[in-house]
Every structure is written in structure tokens, then in C-alpha cells.
Amino acid sequence: MDIAPFIKRVARGKHGSEHLSRAEAESVFSSLLAPDAEPLQLGAFLIAQRMKGESSAELAGFIEAARARIAGYGALNAPAGAVDLPCYAGKRRAAHAHLAAAIEARDHGTPLFIHGVDHIDGRVTAWQVLQQTSVRRASSLSEAMTILQGEHIVYADLADLCPDLYRIYMLRPKLGVRSFSNTVARLLNPARCDGQLNGFFHTPYAEYMATANRLLGQPRSLIFMGAEGEPELYADRQKVILKQQDDSVRRVSYPPAGVGAYPRSAADLSMLQDDFAAMLAGRVDRRQRAVIARMREAFNWAGSGEFSATWIEETIS
């Protein structure tokens, strides 16, 4: 496929660039995901999209192209009520309270499919702390489904799930900036879980991620500004939370817990792992306890559709 005409359309600058259709985006990205794709065209397209900003329809097309590269996608599905938890940011300021909550949710019957990348420079990743637990890492979607059925929780790495997307995801050091592949990975939902918890770092991502999930037919997802970009709710300073359920998107909020603010400075990375171990052992401070409680409510809604009475919602579309 000659993608030069599509690069021309998205790279015309501030006033001349245009969005691709969903079908066009899927076709272009499918070509670029191929291992023999032209590197110059791949880099040009990623940077052009970064400068233009992708639309929700484009994002949906990119996700469909990536899903087609996952062995077994569509034929292998998570159990009913399973929750997709994409962890692609890592932590450097506070321990992974969302993963402590995930372990608790698993213990209360919610199946959890966790995916991410196993190493991020200067941060502690989900897999690096989950290795302290009984959570197993799968080497394929097929193995992940077997583990999930039996143990109600599993971790799968993007490098194993979708090597072609992982290759593009890992171009950030060469590009100098993130590309839309990061957002694609977060919304990938490889196991087709009923619910998703999608964290992001920059506010504008909220509505276009929610709209992409609507276009893709996602049953329900909670999309929110997460702690350090991870799918972890804040106990107090929660700026944006969108609840997508079928074709409905509502802005939601909850009352602050009245606890300390999230740490502002980086911590010793080894201490973050120790803090996570302490949380698993039941030694949690007030802020961590409040976060875990909020995350448990989020997991419950994503898995069952039962919304907490303490959360407030308003229609936005």
C-alpha cells in the first residue's frame, strides 16, 4: 500500500492537515505495523499525527489494525465480568496502590487482565512489582486466557501480545516524543474484557479516548487522569473522570477523602517496591487506604456495571 498520499494529508501543517477516516487509519497503520514497513514513512506518519493530533475515529482505526496483529484476538475472550487494566506509565513517586486494589478485587471474584511493558527507564513498572506476588506472566494471549480462567488474574506484556505494536511503541527514544501507539496500547483490550480502567496523564485525552471506546463497541470503561499516568485514581485531587457505557458518556466525580496530597517528588525506586510489599501485607497509610477503596469501587463498576452510590454523574453526550 502506498501511504505517501496519506502522510501528505496529515502533514500539511496547522491549517492544512486533515484527519483520516477510520477505515483509512486502519489500512495505513496496518501497513506500518508490518516488519518490512518503510522506516522513513513510519517515522513521518507518527510525527505528523503527533503534530496534528489524532481523532477518535483515527484512533479506533489504529486500534483495530493493532488488534488484527494479536494472535488469537477475537477467538479468545476473557470471562464475563473481567476488567482490562493497561499499565504503561510506571510509577516513580508513590507505590502502586491500584495493583494492591487489583489483588483485592481478584480475591473478591473480579477477573483482571493486566498488560503493559516490563521496563521503563526511571520508573517501576507493573510487572516489576507483580513479580512479588503470585500473579503469573503469560507469553501469549492463549496462555493468558488459560491462566485467567483458572486464577482470575494474569499479566501479559505488549512485547508478547503484539510484537509489531511493541516495536513502534519502543521508538520513543528515537522520535524524541511519544506517538499514538502509547494510546493504542492503553485501549487495546486484547482479551475483550467487559470493563476497562484507562488512565491518562494529559486532560485532552479523556473525551477522545472515551469516544474511541464508543466507536469500538466497548461495553463500559472508566477513563480518568491517573496518578503518574497509570490507571490509579487519586484519593482527593481527581480532575477528570469519564464513565463510558455503550453509547453514553458521563462525567463522574466523588467526594474527596480528606487525606494527604499525592507525593510531588520522585522516591527511591527500591522503596516503591518495598511499599507495595507493605500494602500487600496490610500496612497501608490513610492515603493508600483511600485510593485502594476508590479503586475497588472502580473495579466493581467495570466488572459488574454496579455504580457506587457515593459517586456523582452528569450527562455530557
C-alpha atoms as a PDB file:
ATOM      1  CA  MET A   1       0.000   0.000   0.000  1.00  0.00           C
ATOM      2  CA  ASP A   2       1.348   3.442  -0.936  1.00  0.00           C
ATOM      3  CA  ILE A   3       0.864   5.551   2.173  1.00  0.00           C
ATOM      4  CA  ALA A   4       2.618   8.669   0.868  1.00  0.00           C
ATOM      5  CA  PRO A   5      -0.718  10.321  -0.086  1.00  0.00           C
ATOM      6  CA  PHE A   6      -2.000   9.763   3.457  1.00  0.00           C
ATOM      7  CA  ILE A   7       1.154  11.215   5.005  1.00  0.00           C
ATOM      8  CA  LYS A   8       0.673  14.251   2.751  1.00  0.00           C
ATOM      9  CA  ARG A   9      -2.868  14.745   4.072  1.00  0.00           C
ATOM     10  CA  VAL A  10      -1.972  14.584   7.779  1.00  0.00           C
ATOM     11  CA  ALA A  11       1.295  16.543   7.453  1.00  0.00           C
ATOM     12  CA  ARG A  12       0.075  19.733   5.762  1.00  0.00           C
ATOM     13  CA  GLY A  13       0.526  21.866   8.841  1.00  0.00           C
ATOM     14  CA  LYS A  14      -1.685  23.688  11.321  1.00  0.00           C
ATOM     15  CA  HIS A  15      -4.325  24.853   8.842  1.00  0.00           C
ATOM     16  CA  GLY A  16      -3.981  22.314   6.043  1.00  0.00           C
ATOM     17  CA  SER A  17      -3.814  18.904   7.727  1.00  0.00           C
ATOM     18  CA  GLU A  18      -6.861  16.675   7.797  1.00  0.00           C
ATOM     19  CA  HIS A  19      -7.988  13.615   9.679  1.00  0.00           C
ATOM     20  CA  LEU A  20      -8.197  10.232   8.014  1.00  0.00           C
ATOM     21  CA  SER A  21     -11.362   8.185   8.102  1.00  0.00           C
ATOM     22  CA  ARG A  22     -11.499   5.228  10.450  1.00  0.00           C
ATOM     23  CA  ALA A  23     -11.074   2.799   7.543  1.00  0.00           C
ATOM     24  CA  GLU A  24      -8.155   4.780   6.111  1.00  0.00           C
ATOM     25  CA  ALA A  25      -6.448   4.914   9.509  1.00  0.00           C
ATOM     26  CA  GLU A  26      -6.808   1.159   9.902  1.00  0.00           C
ATOM     27  CA  SER A  27      -5.344   0.492   6.452  1.00  0.00           C
ATOM     28  CA  VAL A  28      -2.413   2.873   6.896  1.00  0.00           C
ATOM     29  CA  PHE A  29      -1.478   1.606  10.319  1.00  0.00           C
ATOM     30  CA  SER A  30      -1.857  -1.991   9.205  1.00  0.00           C
ATOM     31  CA  SER A  31       0.790  -1.299   6.563  1.00  0.00           C
ATOM     32  CA  LEU A  32       3.069   0.458   9.036  1.00  0.00           C
ATOM     33  CA  LEU A  33       2.793  -2.387  11.557  1.00  0.00           C
ATOM     34  CA  ALA A  34       4.372  -4.758   9.056  1.00  0.00           C
ATOM     35  CA  PRO A  35       8.000  -5.548   9.980  1.00  0.00           C
ATOM     36  CA  ASP A  36       9.143  -4.526   6.498  1.00  0.00           C
ATOM     37  CA  ALA A  37       7.401  -1.137   6.573  1.00  0.00           C
ATOM     38  CA  GLU A  38       9.486   1.757   5.236  1.00  0.00           C
ATOM     39  CA  PRO A  39      11.132   3.327   8.358  1.00  0.00           C
ATOM     40  CA  LEU A  40      11.117   6.831   6.888  1.00  0.00           C
ATOM     41  CA  GLN A  41       7.386   6.681   6.180  1.00  0.00           C
ATOM     42  CA  LEU A  42       6.683   5.194   9.609  1.00  0.00           C
ATOM     43  CA  GLY A  43       8.554   7.994  11.378  1.00  0.00           C
ATOM     44  CA  ALA A  44       6.995  10.665   9.181  1.00  0.00           C
ATOM     45  CA  PHE A  45       3.468   9.391   9.847  1.00  0.00           C
ATOM     46  CA  LEU A  46       3.992   9.107  13.617  1.00  0.00           C
ATOM     47  CA  ILE A  47       5.377  12.634  13.901  1.00  0.00           C
ATOM     48  CA  ALA A  48       2.745  14.104  11.574  1.00  0.00           C
ATOM     49  CA  GLN A  49      -0.006  12.563  13.699  1.00  0.00           C
ATOM     50  CA  ARG A  50       1.709  13.830  16.843  1.00  0.00           C
ATOM     51  CA  MET A  51       1.698  17.383  15.453  1.00  0.00           C
ATOM     52  CA  LYS A  52      -1.875  17.185  14.106  1.00  0.00           C
ATOM     53  CA  GLY A  53      -3.425  15.226  16.939  1.00  0.00           C
ATOM     54  CA  GLU A  54      -5.323  12.062  16.093  1.00  0.00           C
ATOM     55  CA  SER A  55      -9.127  11.987  16.006  1.00  0.00           C
ATOM     56  CA  SER A  56     -11.233   9.413  17.826  1.00  0.00           C
ATOM     57  CA  ALA A  57     -12.098   7.763  14.506  1.00  0.00           C
ATOM     58  CA  GLU A  58      -8.425   7.530  13.573  1.00  0.00           C
ATOM     59  CA  LEU A  59      -7.614   6.094  16.990  1.00  0.00           C
ATOM     60  CA  ALA A  60     -10.332   3.460  16.597  1.00  0.00           C
ATOM     61  CA  GLY A  61      -8.855   2.502  13.213  1.00  0.00           C
ATOM     62  CA  PHE A  62      -5.337   2.286  14.635  1.00  0.00           C
ATOM     63  CA  ILE A  63      -6.590   0.032  17.443  1.00  0.00           C
ATOM     64  CA  GLU A  64      -8.380  -2.280  15.012  1.00  0.00           C
ATOM     65  CA  ALA A  65      -5.193  -2.581  12.950  1.00  0.00           C
ATOM     66  CA  ALA A  66      -3.170  -3.483  16.055  1.00  0.00           C
ATOM     67  CA  ARG A  67      -5.754  -5.993  17.275  1.00  0.00           C
ATOM     68  CA  ALA A  68      -5.515  -7.789  13.938  1.00  0.00           C
ATOM     69  CA  ARG A  69      -1.832  -8.409  14.755  1.00  0.00           C
ATOM     70  CA  ILE A  70      -2.607 -10.217  18.027  1.00  0.00           C
ATOM     71  CA  ALA A  71      -2.598 -13.997  17.659  1.00  0.00           C
ATOM     72  CA  GLY A  72      -5.988 -15.295  18.770  1.00  0.00           C
ATOM     73  CA  TYR A  73      -7.710 -11.921  19.085  1.00  0.00           C
ATOM     74  CA  GLY A  74     -11.464 -12.310  18.702  1.00  0.00           C
ATOM     75  CA  ALA A  75     -11.381 -16.070  19.156  1.00  0.00           C
ATOM     76  CA  LEU A  76     -10.198 -15.930  22.770  1.00  0.00           C
ATOM     77  CA  ASN A  77     -12.291 -13.921  25.225  1.00  0.00           C
ATOM     78  CA  ALA A  78     -11.959 -13.132  28.923  1.00  0.00           C
ATOM     79  CA  PRO A  79     -14.545 -14.487  31.393  1.00  0.00           C
ATOM     80  CA  ALA A  80     -17.722 -12.476  31.925  1.00  0.00           C
ATOM     81  CA  GLY A  81     -17.135  -9.508  34.201  1.00  0.00           C
ATOM     82  CA  ALA A  82     -13.386  -9.358  33.535  1.00  0.00           C
ATOM     83  CA  VAL A  83     -11.618  -5.991  33.728  1.00  0.00           C
ATOM     84  CA  ASP A  84      -8.822  -4.806  31.443  1.00  0.00           C
ATOM     85  CA  LEU A  85      -6.082  -2.896  33.312  1.00  0.00           C
ATOM     86  CA  PRO A  86      -3.464  -1.347  30.974  1.00  0.00           C
ATOM     87  CA  CYS A  87      -0.345  -0.219  32.873  1.00  0.00           C
ATOM     88  CA  TYR A  88       2.002   1.654  30.518  1.00  0.00           C
ATOM     89  CA  ALA A  89       3.332   4.550  32.610  1.00  0.00           C
ATOM     90  CA  GLY A  90       5.046   3.061  35.648  1.00  0.00           C
ATOM     91  CA  LYS A  91       5.491   4.908  38.938  1.00  0.00           C
ATOM     92  CA  ARG A  92       8.316   6.955  40.457  1.00  0.00           C
ATOM     93  CA  ARG A  93       6.625   8.952  43.217  1.00  0.00           C
ATOM     94  CA  ALA A  94       4.394   6.518  45.085  1.00  0.00           C
ATOM     95  CA  ALA A  95       3.754   2.802  45.260  1.00  0.00           C
ATOM     96  CA  HIS A  96       1.259   1.003  43.025  1.00  0.00           C
ATOM     97  CA  ALA A  97      -1.932   1.240  45.083  1.00  0.00           C
ATOM     98  CA  HIS A  98      -4.020   0.346  42.018  1.00  0.00           C
ATOM     99  CA  LEU A  99      -2.296  -3.034  41.823  1.00  0.00           C
ATOM    100  CA  ALA A 100      -2.831  -3.685  45.522  1.00  0.00           C
ATOM    101  CA  ALA A 101      -6.500  -2.948  44.859  1.00  0.00           C
ATOM    102  CA  ALA A 102      -6.411  -5.268  41.840  1.00  0.00           C
ATOM    103  CA  ILE A 103      -5.204  -8.134  44.032  1.00  0.00           C
ATOM    104  CA  GLU A 104      -8.092  -7.444  46.433  1.00  0.00           C
ATOM    105  CA  ALA A 105     -10.572  -7.280  43.539  1.00  0.00           C
ATOM    106  CA  ARG A 106      -9.289 -10.648  42.293  1.00  0.00           C
ATOM    107  CA  ASP A 107      -9.785 -12.089  45.761  1.00  0.00           C
ATOM    108  CA  HIS A 108     -13.404 -10.887  45.667  1.00  0.00           C
ATOM    109  CA  GLY A 109     -14.108 -12.575  42.328  1.00  0.00           C
ATOM    110  CA  THR A 110     -13.296  -9.968  39.654  1.00  0.00           C
ATOM    111  CA  PRO A 111     -11.093 -11.372  36.848  1.00  0.00           C
ATOM    112  CA  LEU A 112      -8.214  -8.991  35.997  1.00  0.00           C
ATOM    113  CA  PHE A 113      -6.253  -8.853  32.728  1.00  0.00           C
ATOM    114  CA  ILE A 114      -3.198  -6.646  33.315  1.00  0.00           C
ATOM    115  CA  HIS A 115      -0.906  -5.672  30.454  1.00  0.00           C
ATOM    116  CA  GLY A 116       1.968  -3.256  29.920  1.00  0.00           C
ATOM    117  CA  VAL A 117       5.698  -3.147  29.251  1.00  0.00           C
ATOM    118  CA  ASP A 118       8.091  -4.724  31.701  1.00  0.00           C
ATOM    119  CA  HIS A 119      10.707  -1.947  31.785  1.00  0.00           C
ATOM    120  CA  ILE A 120      10.539   1.861  31.727  1.00  0.00           C
ATOM    121  CA  ASP A 121      13.677   3.868  32.453  1.00  0.00           C
ATOM    122  CA  GLY A 122      13.466   5.707  35.759  1.00  0.00           C
ATOM    123  CA  ARG A 123      10.182   4.108  36.815  1.00  0.00           C
ATOM    124  CA  VAL A 124       8.895   0.959  38.481  1.00  0.00           C
ATOM    125  CA  THR A 125       6.553  -0.926  36.172  1.00  0.00           C
ATOM    126  CA  ALA A 126       3.527  -3.026  36.983  1.00  0.00           C
ATOM    127  CA  TRP A 127       5.342  -6.265  36.201  1.00  0.00           C
ATOM    128  CA  GLN A 128       8.292  -5.330  38.410  1.00  0.00           C
ATOM    129  CA  VAL A 129       6.022  -5.185  41.452  1.00  0.00           C
ATOM    130  CA  LEU A 130       3.686  -8.011  40.425  1.00  0.00           C
ATOM    131  CA  GLN A 131       6.687 -10.334  40.471  1.00  0.00           C
ATOM    132  CA  GLN A 132       6.453 -10.099  44.266  1.00  0.00           C
ATOM    133  CA  THR A 133       3.021 -11.739  44.100  1.00  0.00           C
ATOM    134  CA  SER A 134       1.552 -14.978  42.816  1.00  0.00           C
ATOM    135  CA  VAL A 135       0.426 -13.238  39.608  1.00  0.00           C
ATOM    136  CA  ARG A 136       1.741 -15.131  36.602  1.00  0.00           C
ATOM    137  CA  ARG A 137       3.052 -13.691  33.347  1.00  0.00           C
ATOM    138  CA  ALA A 138       1.712 -15.179  30.129  1.00  0.00           C
ATOM    139  CA  SER A 139       3.763 -15.449  26.951  1.00  0.00           C
ATOM    140  CA  SER A 140       0.750 -15.302  24.610  1.00  0.00           C
ATOM    141  CA  LEU A 141      -2.920 -14.388  24.599  1.00  0.00           C
ATOM    142  CA  SER A 142      -3.814 -18.062  24.545  1.00  0.00           C
ATOM    143  CA  GLU A 143      -1.764 -18.763  27.670  1.00  0.00           C
ATOM    144  CA  ALA A 144      -3.149 -15.622  29.311  1.00  0.00           C
ATOM    145  CA  MET A 145      -6.721 -16.840  28.827  1.00  0.00           C
ATOM    146  CA  THR A 146      -5.876 -20.204  30.370  1.00  0.00           C
ATOM    147  CA  ILE A 147      -4.299 -18.540  33.404  1.00  0.00           C
ATOM    148  CA  LEU A 148      -7.128 -16.012  33.717  1.00  0.00           C
ATOM    149  CA  GLN A 149      -9.779 -18.726  33.677  1.00  0.00           C
ATOM    150  CA  GLY A 150      -8.045 -20.617  36.458  1.00  0.00           C
ATOM    151  CA  GLU A 151      -6.528 -17.882  38.625  1.00  0.00           C
ATOM    152  CA  HIS A 152      -8.671 -14.793  37.884  1.00  0.00           C
ATOM    153  CA  ILE A 153      -5.624 -12.598  37.284  1.00  0.00           C
ATOM    154  CA  VAL A 154      -2.794 -12.529  34.755  1.00  0.00           C
ATOM    155  CA  TYR A 155      -0.119 -10.193  33.391  1.00  0.00           C
ATOM    156  CA  ALA A 156       0.781 -10.108  29.699  1.00  0.00           C
ATOM    157  CA  ASP A 157       3.482  -7.934  28.142  1.00  0.00           C
ATOM    158  CA  LEU A 158       2.912  -5.942  24.970  1.00  0.00           C
ATOM    159  CA  ALA A 159       6.126  -7.439  23.557  1.00  0.00           C
ATOM    160  CA  ASP A 160       4.469 -10.872  23.688  1.00  0.00           C
ATOM    161  CA  LEU A 161       0.887  -9.879  22.878  1.00  0.00           C
ATOM    162  CA  CYS A 162       1.595  -7.694  19.848  1.00  0.00           C
ATOM    163  CA  PRO A 163       5.279  -7.549  18.886  1.00  0.00           C
ATOM    164  CA  ASP A 164       4.570  -5.296  15.899  1.00  0.00           C
ATOM    165  CA  LEU A 165       2.884  -2.646  18.054  1.00  0.00           C
ATOM    166  CA  TYR A 166       5.609  -3.028  20.679  1.00  0.00           C
ATOM    167  CA  ARG A 167       8.254  -2.283  18.056  1.00  0.00           C
ATOM    168  CA  ILE A 168       6.565   1.011  17.234  1.00  0.00           C
ATOM    169  CA  TYR A 169       5.826   1.772  20.886  1.00  0.00           C
ATOM    170  CA  MET A 170       9.552   1.476  21.635  1.00  0.00           C
ATOM    171  CA  LEU A 171      10.517   4.100  19.035  1.00  0.00           C
ATOM    172  CA  ARG A 172      10.050   6.923  21.541  1.00  0.00           C
ATOM    173  CA  PRO A 173      13.788   7.367  22.282  1.00  0.00           C
ATOM    174  CA  LYS A 174      14.479   7.765  18.562  1.00  0.00           C
ATOM    175  CA  LEU A 175      11.481  10.006  17.887  1.00  0.00           C
ATOM    176  CA  GLY A 176      12.018  12.145  20.978  1.00  0.00           C
ATOM    177  CA  VAL A 177       8.287  12.133  21.790  1.00  0.00           C
ATOM    178  CA  ARG A 178       5.524   9.631  22.398  1.00  0.00           C
ATOM    179  CA  SER A 179       3.378   8.546  19.489  1.00  0.00           C
ATOM    180  CA  PHE A 180      -0.249   7.476  19.294  1.00  0.00           C
ATOM    181  CA  SER A 181       0.966   3.885  19.759  1.00  0.00           C
ATOM    182  CA  ASN A 182       1.007   4.578  23.504  1.00  0.00           C
ATOM    183  CA  THR A 183      -2.715   5.377  23.487  1.00  0.00           C
ATOM    184  CA  VAL A 184      -3.419   2.421  21.203  1.00  0.00           C
ATOM    185  CA  ALA A 185      -1.742   0.101  23.719  1.00  0.00           C
ATOM    186  CA  ARG A 186      -3.841   1.527  26.561  1.00  0.00           C
ATOM    187  CA  LEU A 187      -7.109   0.934  24.689  1.00  0.00           C
ATOM    188  CA  LEU A 188      -6.065  -2.356  23.072  1.00  0.00           C
ATOM    189  CA  ASN A 189      -8.120  -4.588  25.415  1.00  0.00           C
ATOM    190  CA  PRO A 190      -6.565  -7.779  23.974  1.00  0.00           C
ATOM    191  CA  ALA A 191      -8.833 -10.138  25.918  1.00  0.00           C
ATOM    192  CA  ARG A 192     -12.047  -8.245  25.049  1.00  0.00           C
ATOM    193  CA  CYS A 193     -12.867  -7.677  28.701  1.00  0.00           C
ATOM    194  CA  ASP A 194     -16.309  -6.304  29.557  1.00  0.00           C
ATOM    195  CA  GLY A 195     -14.789  -3.417  31.507  1.00  0.00           C
ATOM    196  CA  GLN A 196     -11.719  -1.216  31.157  1.00  0.00           C
ATOM    197  CA  LEU A 197      -9.934   1.172  33.522  1.00  0.00           C
ATOM    198  CA  ASN A 198      -7.968   3.627  31.374  1.00  0.00           C
ATOM    199  CA  GLY A 199      -5.612   6.113  32.980  1.00  0.00           C
ATOM    200  CA  PHE A 200      -4.065   9.036  31.130  1.00  0.00           C
ATOM    201  CA  PHE A 201      -1.825  11.970  32.029  1.00  0.00           C
ATOM    202  CA  HIS A 202      -2.969  14.846  29.787  1.00  0.00           C
ATOM    203  CA  THR A 203      -6.557  16.130  30.138  1.00  0.00           C
ATOM    204  CA  PRO A 204      -7.422  16.403  26.400  1.00  0.00           C
ATOM    205  CA  TYR A 205      -7.097  12.625  26.053  1.00  0.00           C
ATOM    206  CA  ALA A 206     -10.238  11.970  28.111  1.00  0.00           C
ATOM    207  CA  GLU A 207     -13.019  12.629  25.629  1.00  0.00           C
ATOM    208  CA  TYR A 208     -11.323  11.295  22.531  1.00  0.00           C
ATOM    209  CA  MET A 209     -10.376   8.059  24.319  1.00  0.00           C
ATOM    210  CA  ALA A 210     -13.970   7.711  25.520  1.00  0.00           C
ATOM    211  CA  THR A 211     -15.304   8.343  22.012  1.00  0.00           C
ATOM    212  CA  ALA A 212     -12.884   5.789  20.558  1.00  0.00           C
ATOM    213  CA  ASN A 213     -14.200   3.209  23.014  1.00  0.00           C
ATOM    214  CA  ARG A 214     -17.754   4.056  21.953  1.00  0.00           C
ATOM    215  CA  LEU A 215     -16.840   3.569  18.292  1.00  0.00           C
ATOM    216  CA  LEU A 216     -15.211   0.234  19.092  1.00  0.00           C
ATOM    217  CA  GLY A 217     -18.299  -1.031  20.933  1.00  0.00           C
ATOM    218  CA  GLN A 218     -16.620  -1.287  24.333  1.00  0.00           C
ATOM    219  CA  PRO A 219     -19.369  -2.206  26.868  1.00  0.00           C
ATOM    220  CA  ARG A 220     -18.014   0.068  29.613  1.00  0.00           C
ATOM    221  CA  SER A 221     -14.867   1.919  30.551  1.00  0.00           C
ATOM    222  CA  LEU A 222     -13.737   4.391  33.181  1.00  0.00           C
ATOM    223  CA  ILE A 223     -11.317   6.920  31.697  1.00  0.00           C
ATOM    224  CA  PHE A 224      -9.522   9.246  34.075  1.00  0.00           C
ATOM    225  CA  MET A 225      -6.456  11.296  34.818  1.00  0.00           C
ATOM    226  CA  GLY A 226      -4.430   8.681  36.636  1.00  0.00           C
ATOM    227  CA  ALA A 227      -1.634   9.009  39.160  1.00  0.00           C
ATOM    228  CA  GLU A 228       1.557   9.440  37.087  1.00  0.00           C
ATOM    229  CA  GLY A 229      -0.424   8.302  34.053  1.00  0.00           C
ATOM    230  CA  GLU A 230      -1.263   4.882  35.498  1.00  0.00           C
ATOM    231  CA  PRO A 231      -4.874   3.667  35.927  1.00  0.00           C
ATOM    232  CA  GLU A 232      -4.877   4.747  39.569  1.00  0.00           C
ATOM    233  CA  LEU A 233      -7.444   7.167  40.972  1.00  0.00           C
ATOM    234  CA  TYR A 234      -6.390   9.917  43.340  1.00  0.00           C
ATOM    235  CA  ALA A 235      -7.883   9.977  46.824  1.00  0.00           C
ATOM    236  CA  ASP A 236      -8.606  13.709  46.572  1.00  0.00           C
ATOM    237  CA  ARG A 237      -7.376  15.828  43.636  1.00  0.00           C
ATOM    238  CA  GLN A 238      -9.236  13.972  40.880  1.00  0.00           C
ATOM    239  CA  LYS A 239      -9.637  16.325  37.917  1.00  0.00           C
ATOM    240  CA  VAL A 240     -11.301  14.269  35.187  1.00  0.00           C
ATOM    241  CA  ILE A 241     -13.268  11.003  35.211  1.00  0.00           C
ATOM    242  CA  LEU A 242     -15.466   9.890  32.312  1.00  0.00           C
ATOM    243  CA  LYS A 243     -17.742   6.857  32.519  1.00  0.00           C
ATOM    244  CA  GLN A 244     -18.375   5.336  29.094  1.00  0.00           C
ATOM    245  CA  GLN A 245     -21.135   2.755  28.935  1.00  0.00           C
ATOM    246  CA  ASP A 246     -22.237   1.626  25.476  1.00  0.00           C
ATOM    247  CA  ASP A 247     -23.112   4.869  23.631  1.00  0.00           C
ATOM    248  CA  SER A 248     -23.337   7.006  26.760  1.00  0.00           C
ATOM    249  CA  VAL A 249     -20.506   9.081  28.212  1.00  0.00           C
ATOM    250  CA  ARG A 250     -20.968  10.808  31.547  1.00  0.00           C
ATOM    251  CA  ARG A 251     -18.653  12.917  33.630  1.00  0.00           C
ATOM    252  CA  VAL A 252     -18.410  11.487  37.136  1.00  0.00           C
ATOM    253  CA  SER A 253     -16.838  12.575  40.411  1.00  0.00           C
ATOM    254  CA  TYR A 254     -16.607  11.542  44.022  1.00  0.00           C
ATOM    255  CA  PRO A 255     -16.128  13.463  47.285  1.00  0.00           C
ATOM    256  CA  PRO A 256     -12.500  13.905  48.420  1.00  0.00           C
ATOM    257  CA  ALA A 257     -11.317  11.577  51.149  1.00  0.00           C
ATOM    258  CA  GLY A 258      -9.653  14.352  53.143  1.00  0.00           C
ATOM    259  CA  VAL A 259      -6.216  12.758  53.105  1.00  0.00           C
ATOM    260  CA  GLY A 260      -2.734  13.915  52.165  1.00  0.00           C
ATOM    261  CA  ALA A 261      -1.888  15.007  48.641  1.00  0.00           C
ATOM    262  CA  TYR A 262      -0.134  12.710  46.185  1.00  0.00           C
ATOM    263  CA  PRO A 263       3.679  12.979  46.526  1.00  0.00           C
ATOM    264  CA  ARG A 264       5.223  15.612  44.249  1.00  0.00           C
ATOM    265  CA  SER A 265       8.824  14.428  44.191  1.00  0.00           C
ATOM    266  CA  ALA A 266      10.405  11.197  42.986  1.00  0.00           C
ATOM    267  CA  ALA A 267      11.137   8.491  45.527  1.00  0.00           C
ATOM    268  CA  ASP A 268      13.845   5.863  45.702  1.00  0.00           C
ATOM    269  CA  LEU A 269      12.624   3.223  43.262  1.00  0.00           C
ATOM    270  CA  SER A 270      13.557   0.315  45.517  1.00  0.00           C
ATOM    271  CA  MET A 271      11.427   1.874  48.247  1.00  0.00           C
ATOM    272  CA  LEU A 272       8.396   1.802  45.950  1.00  0.00           C
ATOM    273  CA  GLN A 273       8.722  -1.950  45.705  1.00  0.00           C
ATOM    274  CA  ASP A 274       9.063  -2.210  49.482  1.00  0.00           C
ATOM    275  CA  ASP A 275       5.977  -0.011  49.935  1.00  0.00           C
ATOM    276  CA  PHE A 276       3.998  -2.248  47.607  1.00  0.00           C
ATOM    277  CA  ALA A 277       5.029  -5.313  49.615  1.00  0.00           C
ATOM    278  CA  ALA A 278       3.915  -3.499  52.769  1.00  0.00           C
ATOM    279  CA  MET A 279       0.499  -2.782  51.209  1.00  0.00           C
ATOM    280  CA  LEU A 280       0.083  -6.450  50.341  1.00  0.00           C
ATOM    281  CA  ALA A 281       0.847  -7.260  53.972  1.00  0.00           C
ATOM    282  CA  GLY A 282      -1.864  -4.861  55.120  1.00  0.00           C
ATOM    283  CA  ARG A 283       0.409  -1.996  56.192  1.00  0.00           C
ATOM    284  CA  VAL A 284      -1.159   0.999  54.445  1.00  0.00           C
ATOM    285  CA  ASP A 285      -1.314   4.687  55.301  1.00  0.00           C
ATOM    286  CA  ARG A 286      -4.506   6.785  55.109  1.00  0.00           C
ATOM    287  CA  ARG A 287      -3.908   7.965  51.562  1.00  0.00           C
ATOM    288  CA  GLN A 288      -3.188   4.469  50.274  1.00  0.00           C
ATOM    289  CA  ARG A 289      -6.235   3.089  52.063  1.00  0.00           C
ATOM    290  CA  ALA A 290      -8.460   5.741  50.466  1.00  0.00           C
ATOM    291  CA  VAL A 291      -7.018   5.063  46.994  1.00  0.00           C
ATOM    292  CA  ILE A 292      -7.479   1.314  47.346  1.00  0.00           C
ATOM    293  CA  ALA A 293     -11.092   1.846  48.421  1.00  0.00           C
ATOM    294  CA  ARG A 294     -11.796   4.075  45.391  1.00  0.00           C
ATOM    295  CA  MET A 295     -10.092   1.614  43.062  1.00  0.00           C
ATOM    296  CA  ARG A 296     -12.152  -1.236  44.485  1.00  0.00           C
ATOM    297  CA  GLU A 297     -15.280   0.757  43.599  1.00  0.00           C
ATOM    298  CA  ALA A 298     -13.904   1.309  40.088  1.00  0.00           C
ATOM    299  CA  PHE A 299     -13.101  -2.384  39.626  1.00  0.00           C
ATOM    300  CA  ASN A 300     -16.567  -3.319  40.852  1.00  0.00           C
ATOM    301  CA  TRP A 301     -18.278  -0.999  38.349  1.00  0.00           C
ATOM    302  CA  ALA A 302     -16.059  -2.061  35.457  1.00  0.00           C
ATOM    303  CA  GLY A 303     -16.732  -5.719  36.203  1.00  0.00           C
ATOM    304  CA  SER A 304     -20.408  -5.644  37.128  1.00  0.00           C
ATOM    305  CA  GLY A 305     -21.842  -2.316  35.952  1.00  0.00           C
ATOM    306  CA  GLU A 306     -22.969  -1.554  39.513  1.00  0.00           C
ATOM    307  CA  PHE A 307     -22.104   2.082  40.223  1.00  0.00           C
ATOM    308  CA  SER A 308     -21.195   3.265  43.728  1.00  0.00           C
ATOM    309  CA  ALA A 309     -23.865   5.385  45.408  1.00  0.00           C
ATOM    310  CA  THR A 310     -21.186   7.821  46.599  1.00  0.00           C
ATOM    311  CA  TRP A 311     -20.176   8.782  43.026  1.00  0.00           C
ATOM    312  CA  ILE A 312     -21.928  11.636  41.213  1.00  0.00           C
ATOM    313  CA  GLU A 313     -22.535  11.668  37.452  1.00  0.00           C
ATOM    314  CA  GLU A 314     -23.751  14.111  34.820  1.00  0.00           C
ATOM    315  CA  THR A 315     -24.540  13.657  31.123  1.00  0.00           C
ATOM    316  CA  ILE A 316     -22.084  15.231  28.688  1.00  0.00           C
ATOM    317  CA  SER A 317     -23.057  13.422  25.477  1.00  0.00           C
END
